[in-house]
Amino acid sequence: MTDYPRWRTDSVKEALKTRRVVIVSGARQTGKTTVAKEILNKYNVFMPLDKKNILTAALDDPAGFVKNKSGTMIIDEIQKAPDLIPEIKYVVDNDRRPGQYLLTGSANIKSLPSVTESLAGRVKSIRLRPLAQGEILRKKPAFLDMAFEGEFPKKIIGYDKEAIFDLAFRGGYPEAVLLKMQKDRRDWHKDYIDTLIARDLKDIANIKRQDSLRELIKILASWSGKFMDLPPICNALGLSKPTTDSYINALEALYLFEKVAPWTKTDYDRVGRSPKTYATDSGLMTSVLGWNKKEVMLNPDRAGKLMETFVFHELAAQIDLGGVYSLYQYRDRKGREIDFIIEREDETLVGVEVKAGQSVSKEDFAPQIWFRENIIKGKKPYTGIVLYSGEHTLSFGDGMQAVPIAALWG
């Protein structure tokens, strides 16, 4: 993991200069501990709760455990000892010194039922996702700047359709990235899921039906990039809606799945209000579903689902960095849909549609053109992009461009 410079490392260092508490959260095995250790010096102390004796001390005497007179105390896997949170709150309420605590967590601590004290105003939360392609290639993120300026390279070579599918099947978990064979990655992903269920799940939820949970992971993976229809899922699992909801919430708290909210800033009464769910790593998704690359490339539905999930991760990793962008999706009751809408803080919009194929036509821009002319109506700047697996940037007029998927990192 140390071979890959993480984009978020500088964000952590900067946050510690102004915030009393910084939380780095994300799925297990994404490199949180490695990022935390990069700030270690002789004034800081590293307390990994994965070690039994350290966890025991934290649970037995939380007030004594968090005493910290100088430097930064790094507490790794904070979800294992949520009783530390109110003690940390007490300390930082009486000492406003920045950079006192750096917490890492493989679960969203806001979802922990035992966390009743709020750190609002005292904490900066930073999300660490699986590796983006730009991080693997040691390139700085540039796609959002290019998108809002409307300026892309005319041609990006070296990434044909098969090469892009290879990247999507590989995903971004650092250890899985190092594995060359799909079978080895699939075994790694299986072991990863087993570990989450056996070790991490009990920290955030009381799951009585682990068999149903495993099946739910497959179902949610198959719905990635779609709008979930919950009743059929409940029926397939033999679970009530409240129980199914609680299981989905647990998987989201472990950062396996994520919802993208709808863009609803319009008076158009037929706009959809439902979020869209994505697997947070395309490689893990393909392993859970047992997909084969050659078969997926020949299946339009699966190919589209995989490419959209892959692009979601790449976009989300860059949107996390700026602090000035928000990610949405759009769908109305007439079936018009835009995969992603990126809104900058000045309300400028960029729409992104994803195609797995190597060709683009004017028809592919139809939903975005309708959206711009009927919803935006010239009130906000709007640029429309179709990402595809070709290598040329092509203009379709009026701010509409076909752009190679590789522009996300190229």
Protein backbone atom coordinates (compact mmCIF):
# COMPACT_ATOMS: atom_id res chain seq x y z
CA MET A 1 0.00 0.00 0.00
CA THR A 2 2.91 2.37 0.65
CA ASP A 3 3.73 2.18 -3.07
CA TYR A 4 0.68 4.30 -3.89
CA PRO A 5 0.67 7.97 -2.83
CA ARG A 6 -2.88 8.67 -1.67
CA TRP A 7 -4.61 11.87 -2.73
CA ARG A 8 -6.18 12.22 0.71
CA THR A 9 -2.93 12.22 2.71
CA ASP A 10 -2.47 15.97 2.30
CA SER A 11 -6.11 16.50 3.29
CA VAL A 12 -5.45 14.70 6.58
CA LYS A 13 -2.32 16.72 7.31
CA GLU A 14 -4.07 20.01 6.58
CA ALA A 15 -7.12 19.10 8.67
CA LEU A 16 -4.95 18.32 11.71
CA LYS A 17 -3.69 21.92 11.63
CA THR A 18 -7.16 23.36 12.27
CA ARG A 19 -9.42 20.61 13.72
CA ARG A 20 -9.24 19.04 17.15
CA VAL A 21 -10.37 15.64 15.83
CA VAL A 22 -9.91 14.17 12.36
CA ILE A 23 -11.62 10.93 11.32
CA VAL A 24 -10.37 8.91 8.34
CA SER A 25 -13.01 6.37 7.44
CA GLY A 26 -13.48 3.86 4.67
CA ALA A 27 -13.73 0.18 3.92
CA ARG A 28 -11.26 -2.24 5.46
CA GLN A 29 -8.04 -2.73 3.46
CA THR A 30 -8.21 0.61 1.66
CA GLY A 31 -5.05 1.96 3.34
CA LYS A 32 -6.34 4.03 6.28
CA THR A 33 -3.68 2.76 8.68
CA THR A 34 -0.95 3.46 6.15
CA VAL A 35 -2.16 7.04 5.69
CA ALA A 36 -2.35 7.52 9.47
CA LYS A 37 1.18 6.23 9.99
CA GLU A 38 2.49 8.78 7.49
CA ILE A 39 1.98 11.53 10.06
CA LEU A 40 3.71 9.62 12.88
CA ASN A 41 6.58 11.40 14.58
CA LYS A 42 8.19 11.37 18.03
CA TYR A 43 5.36 13.51 19.43
CA ASN A 44 2.55 11.23 18.23
CA VAL A 45 1.32 7.90 19.57
CA PHE A 46 -0.28 5.09 17.54
CA MET A 47 -2.94 2.97 19.28
CA PRO A 48 -4.27 0.12 17.09
CA LEU A 49 -7.48 -1.34 18.53
CA ASP A 50 -6.92 -4.47 16.44
CA LYS A 51 -4.41 -5.49 19.15
CA LYS A 52 -6.16 -7.30 21.98
CA ASN A 53 -4.29 -5.73 24.90
CA ILE A 54 -4.78 -2.21 23.57
CA LEU A 55 -8.49 -2.83 22.90
CA THR A 56 -8.90 -4.23 26.42
CA ALA A 57 -7.35 -1.11 27.91
CA ALA A 58 -9.62 1.11 25.83
CA LEU A 59 -12.73 -0.77 26.92
CA ASP A 60 -11.76 -0.99 30.60
CA ASP A 61 -10.73 2.66 31.09
CA PRO A 62 -11.84 4.86 28.18
CA ALA A 63 -11.22 8.10 30.08
CA GLY A 64 -7.67 7.14 30.96
CA PHE A 65 -7.01 5.74 27.48
CA VAL A 66 -7.68 9.02 25.67
CA LYS A 67 -5.52 11.25 27.89
CA ASN A 68 -3.26 13.14 25.54
CA LYS A 69 -1.21 16.14 26.61
CA SER A 70 0.85 16.68 23.46
CA GLY A 71 1.09 15.61 19.83
CA THR A 72 -1.57 13.58 18.04
CA MET A 73 -3.05 10.36 19.39
CA ILE A 74 -3.86 8.05 16.48
CA ILE A 75 -6.58 5.54 17.38
CA ASP A 76 -6.92 2.90 14.69
CA GLU A 77 -10.32 1.19 14.12
CA ILE A 78 -12.30 3.41 16.51
CA GLN A 79 -15.54 1.50 15.85
CA LYS A 80 -14.23 -1.28 18.09
CA ALA A 81 -14.42 1.01 21.15
CA PRO A 82 -17.20 3.57 20.56
CA ASP A 83 -17.20 4.48 24.28
CA LEU A 84 -14.02 6.43 23.55
CA ILE A 85 -16.02 8.99 21.56
CA PRO A 86 -17.73 10.77 24.51
CA GLU A 87 -14.41 10.79 26.39
CA ILE A 88 -12.69 12.40 23.40
CA LYS A 89 -15.52 14.94 23.24
CA TYR A 90 -14.95 15.81 26.89
CA VAL A 91 -11.21 16.26 26.35
CA VAL A 92 -11.49 18.51 23.29
CA ASP A 93 -14.26 20.57 24.88
CA ASN A 94 -11.76 21.52 27.57
CA ASP A 95 -8.74 21.83 25.31
CA ARG A 96 -9.17 23.53 21.95
CA ARG A 97 -5.71 22.61 20.67
CA PRO A 98 -5.93 21.39 17.02
CA GLY A 99 -4.64 18.01 15.95
CA GLN A 100 -5.27 16.15 19.21
CA TYR A 101 -6.81 13.00 17.75
CA LEU A 102 -6.67 11.17 14.44
CA LEU A 103 -9.23 8.38 14.35
CA THR A 104 -9.56 5.72 11.69
CA GLY A 105 -12.58 3.51 11.20
CA SER A 106 -13.68 0.73 8.88
CA ALA A 107 -17.27 1.63 9.71
CA ASN A 108 -19.13 4.91 9.64
CA ILE A 109 -19.14 5.87 13.33
CA LYS A 110 -22.25 7.97 12.80
CA SER A 111 -24.07 4.68 12.23
CA LEU A 112 -22.94 3.08 15.49
CA PRO A 113 -25.92 2.63 17.81
CA SER A 114 -23.78 3.15 20.91
CA VAL A 115 -22.41 6.52 19.80
CA THR A 116 -24.71 9.06 21.38
CA GLU A 117 -22.35 12.00 21.75
CA SER A 118 -21.83 14.31 18.80
CA LEU A 119 -18.47 15.63 17.70
CA ALA A 120 -20.13 18.25 15.51
CA GLY A 121 -17.94 21.31 15.12
CA ARG A 122 -14.94 19.52 16.55
CA VAL A 123 -14.24 16.96 13.85
CA LYS A 124 -13.26 16.78 10.19
CA SER A 125 -14.35 13.59 8.43
CA ILE A 126 -12.27 12.35 5.50
CA ARG A 127 -13.30 9.41 3.32
CA LEU A 128 -10.65 7.04 1.99
CA ARG A 129 -11.89 4.95 -0.91
CA PRO A 130 -10.20 2.10 -2.75
CA LEU A 131 -7.46 3.30 -5.08
CA ALA A 132 -8.48 5.45 -8.00
CA GLN A 133 -6.70 4.78 -11.28
CA GLY A 134 -4.93 8.12 -11.02
CA GLU A 135 -3.47 7.08 -7.67
CA ILE A 136 -2.27 3.78 -9.10
CA LEU A 137 -0.62 5.66 -11.98
CA ARG A 138 0.70 8.38 -9.62
CA LYS A 139 -1.14 11.13 -11.46
CA LYS A 140 -2.83 14.17 -9.99
CA PRO A 141 -6.64 14.34 -10.38
CA ALA A 142 -7.59 16.61 -13.27
CA PHE A 143 -10.89 15.35 -14.71
CA LEU A 144 -13.19 17.76 -12.87
CA ASP A 145 -11.15 20.79 -13.91
CA MET A 146 -11.23 19.62 -17.52
CA ALA A 147 -14.96 18.88 -17.36
CA PHE A 148 -15.95 22.29 -16.03
CA GLU A 149 -13.61 24.04 -18.46
CA GLY A 150 -14.84 21.86 -21.32
CA GLU A 151 -11.26 21.12 -22.39
CA PHE A 152 -10.10 17.50 -22.84
CA PRO A 153 -7.17 15.94 -24.68
CA LYS A 154 -8.10 15.32 -28.30
CA LYS A 155 -6.93 11.73 -28.08
CA ILE A 156 -6.00 9.29 -25.30
CA ILE A 157 -4.34 6.11 -26.51
CA GLY A 158 -3.52 2.90 -24.70
CA TYR A 159 -6.99 2.22 -23.27
CA ASP A 160 -9.19 0.31 -25.65
CA LYS A 161 -12.45 -1.30 -24.51
CA GLU A 162 -10.79 -4.48 -23.26
CA ALA A 163 -8.15 -2.57 -21.31
CA ILE A 164 -10.81 -0.52 -19.54
CA PHE A 165 -12.75 -3.66 -18.66
CA ASP A 166 -9.53 -5.11 -17.22
CA LEU A 167 -9.28 -2.09 -14.91
CA ALA A 168 -12.93 -2.38 -13.88
CA PHE A 169 -12.52 -6.08 -13.07
CA ARG A 170 -9.38 -5.31 -11.06
CA GLY A 171 -10.99 -2.64 -8.89
CA GLY A 172 -9.06 -0.55 -6.40
CA TYR A 173 -8.33 -2.51 -3.23
CA PRO A 174 -4.53 -2.18 -2.92
CA GLU A 175 -3.85 -5.88 -2.29
CA ALA A 176 -6.20 -6.98 -5.07
CA VAL A 177 -4.55 -4.53 -7.48
CA LEU A 178 -1.28 -6.40 -7.07
CA LEU A 179 -2.83 -9.72 -8.10
CA LYS A 180 -2.55 -10.48 -11.81
CA MET A 181 -5.01 -13.35 -12.20
CA GLN A 182 -8.77 -12.91 -11.99
CA LYS A 183 -9.08 -16.16 -10.00
CA ASP A 184 -6.66 -14.87 -7.36
CA ARG A 185 -8.53 -11.57 -7.08
CA ARG A 186 -11.83 -13.42 -6.77
CA ASP A 187 -10.42 -15.52 -3.93
CA TRP A 188 -9.12 -12.36 -2.25
CA HIS A 189 -12.49 -10.65 -2.54
CA LYS A 190 -14.27 -13.74 -1.13
CA ASP A 191 -11.93 -13.81 1.86
CA TYR A 192 -12.50 -10.08 2.28
CA ILE A 193 -16.28 -10.51 2.52
CA ASP A 194 -15.84 -13.42 4.94
CA THR A 195 -13.64 -11.26 7.18
CA LEU A 196 -16.12 -8.39 7.19
CA ILE A 197 -18.97 -10.65 8.20
CA ALA A 198 -16.95 -12.53 10.83
CA ARG A 199 -15.08 -9.60 12.39
CA ASP A 200 -16.35 -6.16 11.49
CA LEU A 201 -20.10 -6.59 11.22
CA LYS A 202 -20.54 -7.33 14.91
CA ASP A 203 -19.08 -3.90 15.75
CA ILE A 204 -22.01 -2.09 14.15
CA ALA A 205 -25.04 -4.38 13.99
CA ASN A 206 -26.66 -7.48 15.39
CA ILE A 207 -27.14 -9.58 12.26
CA LYS A 208 -28.95 -12.82 13.01
CA ARG A 209 -29.27 -14.12 9.45
CA GLN A 210 -25.76 -14.15 8.00
CA ASP A 211 -26.91 -16.39 5.15
CA SER A 212 -29.45 -13.76 4.16
CA LEU A 213 -26.82 -11.05 4.48
CA ARG A 214 -24.50 -12.87 2.06
CA GLU A 215 -27.34 -13.21 -0.40
CA LEU A 216 -28.18 -9.52 0.06
CA ILE A 217 -24.61 -8.57 -0.87
CA LYS A 218 -25.06 -10.40 -4.18
CA ILE A 219 -28.46 -8.81 -4.77
CA LEU A 220 -27.19 -5.29 -4.08
CA ALA A 221 -24.18 -5.90 -6.32
CA SER A 222 -26.54 -6.94 -9.12
CA TRP A 223 -28.52 -3.71 -8.58
CA SER A 224 -25.45 -1.47 -8.74
CA GLY A 225 -26.22 1.54 -10.90
CA LYS A 226 -29.96 0.87 -10.67
CA PHE A 227 -32.87 2.14 -8.61
CA MET A 228 -33.63 -0.55 -6.06
CA ASP A 229 -37.05 -2.14 -5.87
CA LEU A 230 -37.14 -3.20 -2.23
CA PRO A 231 -40.27 -5.44 -2.02
CA PRO A 232 -38.90 -8.12 -4.40
CA ILE A 233 -35.61 -8.08 -2.47
CA CYS A 234 -37.45 -8.62 0.82
CA ASN A 235 -39.44 -11.48 -0.70
CA ALA A 236 -36.32 -13.13 -2.13
CA LEU A 237 -34.61 -13.01 1.26
CA GLY A 238 -37.68 -13.89 3.33
CA LEU A 239 -37.08 -10.82 5.49
CA SER A 240 -39.34 -7.98 6.57
CA LYS A 241 -38.75 -4.50 5.16
CA PRO A 242 -37.40 -3.11 8.48
CA THR A 243 -34.94 -6.00 8.77
CA THR A 244 -33.85 -5.67 5.15
CA ASP A 245 -33.39 -1.93 5.64
CA SER A 246 -31.23 -2.55 8.71
CA TYR A 247 -29.07 -5.04 6.80
CA ILE A 248 -28.62 -2.58 3.91
CA ASN A 249 -27.71 0.16 6.38
CA ALA A 250 -25.07 -2.11 7.92
CA LEU A 251 -23.50 -2.81 4.51
CA GLU A 252 -23.48 0.91 3.74
CA ALA A 253 -21.88 1.61 7.13
CA LEU A 254 -19.09 -0.80 6.13
CA TYR A 255 -18.68 1.18 2.88
CA LEU A 256 -19.53 -1.73 0.59
CA PHE A 257 -22.41 0.16 -1.01
CA GLU A 258 -23.30 3.81 -1.36
CA LYS A 259 -26.32 5.83 -2.45
CA VAL A 260 -26.22 8.76 -4.87
CA ALA A 261 -28.96 11.28 -4.20
CA PRO A 262 -31.26 12.60 -6.95
CA TRP A 263 -30.85 16.11 -8.34
CA THR A 264 -34.16 17.72 -7.39
CA LYS A 265 -33.50 21.47 -7.63
CA THR A 266 -36.38 22.02 -10.02
CA ASP A 267 -40.10 22.73 -10.00
CA TYR A 268 -40.66 19.95 -12.54
CA ASP A 269 -43.17 17.76 -10.70
CA ARG A 270 -42.22 14.54 -12.48
CA VAL A 271 -38.62 14.41 -11.30
CA GLY A 272 -37.64 11.23 -9.48
CA ARG A 273 -36.83 11.37 -5.78
CA SER A 274 -35.21 7.97 -5.31
CA PRO A 275 -31.47 7.49 -4.70
CA LYS A 276 -29.41 5.15 -6.85
CA THR A 277 -27.24 2.49 -5.20
CA TYR A 278 -23.68 1.61 -6.25
CA ALA A 279 -21.15 -0.97 -5.19
CA THR A 280 -18.15 1.04 -4.01
CA ASP A 281 -15.62 -1.14 -5.84
CA SER A 282 -16.20 -2.58 -9.31
CA GLY A 283 -13.68 -5.38 -8.79
CA LEU A 284 -15.39 -6.61 -5.65
CA MET A 285 -18.72 -6.41 -7.45
CA THR A 286 -17.56 -8.66 -10.31
CA SER A 287 -16.18 -11.21 -7.86
CA VAL A 288 -19.35 -11.30 -5.77
CA LEU A 289 -21.41 -11.86 -8.94
CA GLY A 290 -18.96 -14.41 -10.38
CA TRP A 291 -18.68 -12.52 -13.66
CA ASN A 292 -16.32 -13.42 -16.49
CA LYS A 293 -14.82 -10.53 -18.47
CA LYS A 294 -15.40 -11.94 -21.96
CA GLU A 295 -19.03 -12.76 -21.18
CA VAL A 296 -19.68 -9.34 -19.63
CA MET A 297 -18.21 -7.52 -22.64
CA LEU A 298 -20.78 -9.28 -24.83
CA ASN A 299 -23.70 -8.57 -22.48
CA PRO A 300 -24.88 -4.93 -22.89
CA ASP A 301 -26.75 -4.80 -19.57
CA ARG A 302 -23.87 -6.16 -17.51
CA ALA A 303 -21.28 -4.16 -19.43
CA GLY A 304 -23.21 -0.95 -18.81
CA LYS A 305 -23.69 -1.73 -15.14
CA LEU A 306 -19.98 -2.47 -14.67
CA MET A 307 -18.79 0.66 -16.50
CA GLU A 308 -21.19 2.90 -14.60
CA THR A 309 -20.04 1.46 -11.27
CA PHE A 310 -16.40 1.87 -12.28
CA VAL A 311 -16.96 5.49 -13.34
CA PHE A 312 -18.87 6.19 -10.11
CA HIS A 313 -15.83 5.28 -8.04
CA GLU A 314 -13.48 7.34 -10.19
CA LEU A 315 -15.74 10.40 -10.02
CA ALA A 316 -16.44 10.05 -6.29
CA ALA A 317 -12.73 9.82 -5.45
CA GLN A 318 -12.09 13.15 -7.17
CA ILE A 319 -15.24 14.86 -5.86
CA ASP A 320 -14.18 13.98 -2.29
CA LEU A 321 -11.02 16.05 -2.75
CA GLY A 322 -12.29 19.45 -3.78
CA GLY A 323 -14.96 20.22 -1.23
CA VAL A 324 -16.70 22.34 -3.88
CA TYR A 325 -18.45 19.57 -5.81
CA SER A 326 -21.54 17.46 -5.14
CA LEU A 327 -22.55 14.29 -6.97
CA TYR A 328 -26.14 13.57 -8.01
CA GLN A 329 -28.12 11.58 -10.57
CA TYR A 330 -31.28 12.45 -12.48
CA ARG A 331 -34.30 10.46 -13.54
CA ASP A 332 -37.86 11.53 -14.21
CA ARG A 333 -41.10 9.64 -14.56
CA LYS A 334 -40.85 9.80 -18.35
CA GLY A 335 -37.73 7.63 -18.19
CA ARG A 336 -35.25 10.38 -19.02
CA GLU A 337 -32.09 9.64 -17.08
CA ILE A 338 -28.62 11.14 -16.62
CA ASP A 339 -26.18 8.82 -14.88
CA PHE A 340 -24.35 11.56 -12.95
CA ILE A 341 -24.76 15.27 -12.41
CA ILE A 342 -21.83 17.10 -10.83
CA GLU A 343 -22.69 20.45 -9.29
CA ARG A 344 -20.01 22.97 -8.37
CA GLU A 345 -20.61 25.36 -5.47
CA ASP A 346 -21.34 28.18 -7.95
CA GLU A 347 -24.22 25.97 -9.28
CA THR A 348 -22.49 25.25 -12.59
CA LEU A 349 -23.47 21.75 -13.73
CA VAL A 350 -21.75 18.96 -15.64
CA GLY A 351 -23.77 15.95 -16.71
CA VAL A 352 -22.06 12.60 -17.31
CA GLU A 353 -23.58 9.69 -19.19
CA VAL A 354 -21.62 6.41 -19.33
CA LYS A 355 -21.41 4.08 -22.34
CA ALA A 356 -19.48 0.83 -22.38
CA GLY A 357 -19.27 0.86 -26.16
CA GLN A 358 -16.77 2.44 -28.56
CA SER A 359 -19.16 4.60 -30.56
CA VAL A 360 -21.32 7.62 -29.71
CA SER A 361 -24.19 9.27 -31.58
CA LYS A 362 -26.23 12.45 -31.13
CA GLU A 363 -29.03 10.32 -29.69
CA ASP A 364 -26.83 9.48 -26.68
CA PHE A 365 -27.05 13.14 -25.64
CA ALA A 366 -30.86 13.35 -25.90
CA PRO A 367 -31.60 13.21 -22.13
CA GLN A 368 -28.97 15.85 -21.39
CA ILE A 369 -30.15 18.16 -24.16
CA TRP A 370 -33.73 17.86 -22.88
CA PHE A 371 -32.57 18.49 -19.31
CA ARG A 372 -30.62 21.60 -20.33
CA GLU A 373 -33.46 23.05 -22.43
CA ASN A 374 -36.41 22.17 -20.18
CA ILE A 375 -35.04 22.04 -16.64
CA ILE A 376 -32.03 24.36 -16.64
CA LYS A 377 -33.55 26.77 -19.21
CA GLY A 378 -30.38 28.80 -19.36
CA LYS A 379 -30.46 29.62 -15.63
CA LYS A 380 -27.24 27.72 -14.92
CA PRO A 381 -24.24 26.82 -17.11
CA TYR A 382 -24.50 23.18 -18.22
CA THR A 383 -22.01 20.93 -20.00
CA GLY A 384 -22.94 17.46 -21.22
CA ILE A 385 -20.45 14.59 -21.44
CA VAL A 386 -20.80 11.03 -22.68
CA LEU A 387 -17.92 8.87 -21.46
CA TYR A 388 -17.18 5.98 -23.81
CA SER A 389 -14.44 3.42 -24.45
CA GLY A 390 -13.05 5.11 -27.57
CA GLU A 391 -9.90 7.23 -27.69
CA HIS A 392 -11.01 10.52 -29.31
CA THR A 393 -12.74 13.55 -27.79
CA LEU A 394 -15.58 14.48 -30.13
CA SER A 395 -17.75 17.59 -30.12
CA PHE A 396 -21.48 17.24 -30.76
CA GLY A 397 -22.16 20.98 -30.52
CA ASP A 398 -23.73 23.22 -27.88
CA GLY A 399 -21.42 22.09 -25.07
CA MET A 400 -21.95 18.36 -25.68
CA GLN A 401 -18.84 16.17 -25.94
CA ALA A 402 -18.00 12.48 -26.21
CA VAL A 403 -14.96 11.88 -24.03
CA PRO A 404 -12.79 8.77 -23.55
CA ILE A 405 -13.33 7.06 -20.19
CA ALA A 406 -9.55 7.19 -19.80
CA ALA A 407 -9.83 10.99 -19.37
CA LEU A 408 -10.82 10.17 -15.77
CA TRP A 409 -7.13 9.47 -15.13
CA GLY A 410 -5.36 10.20 -18.44
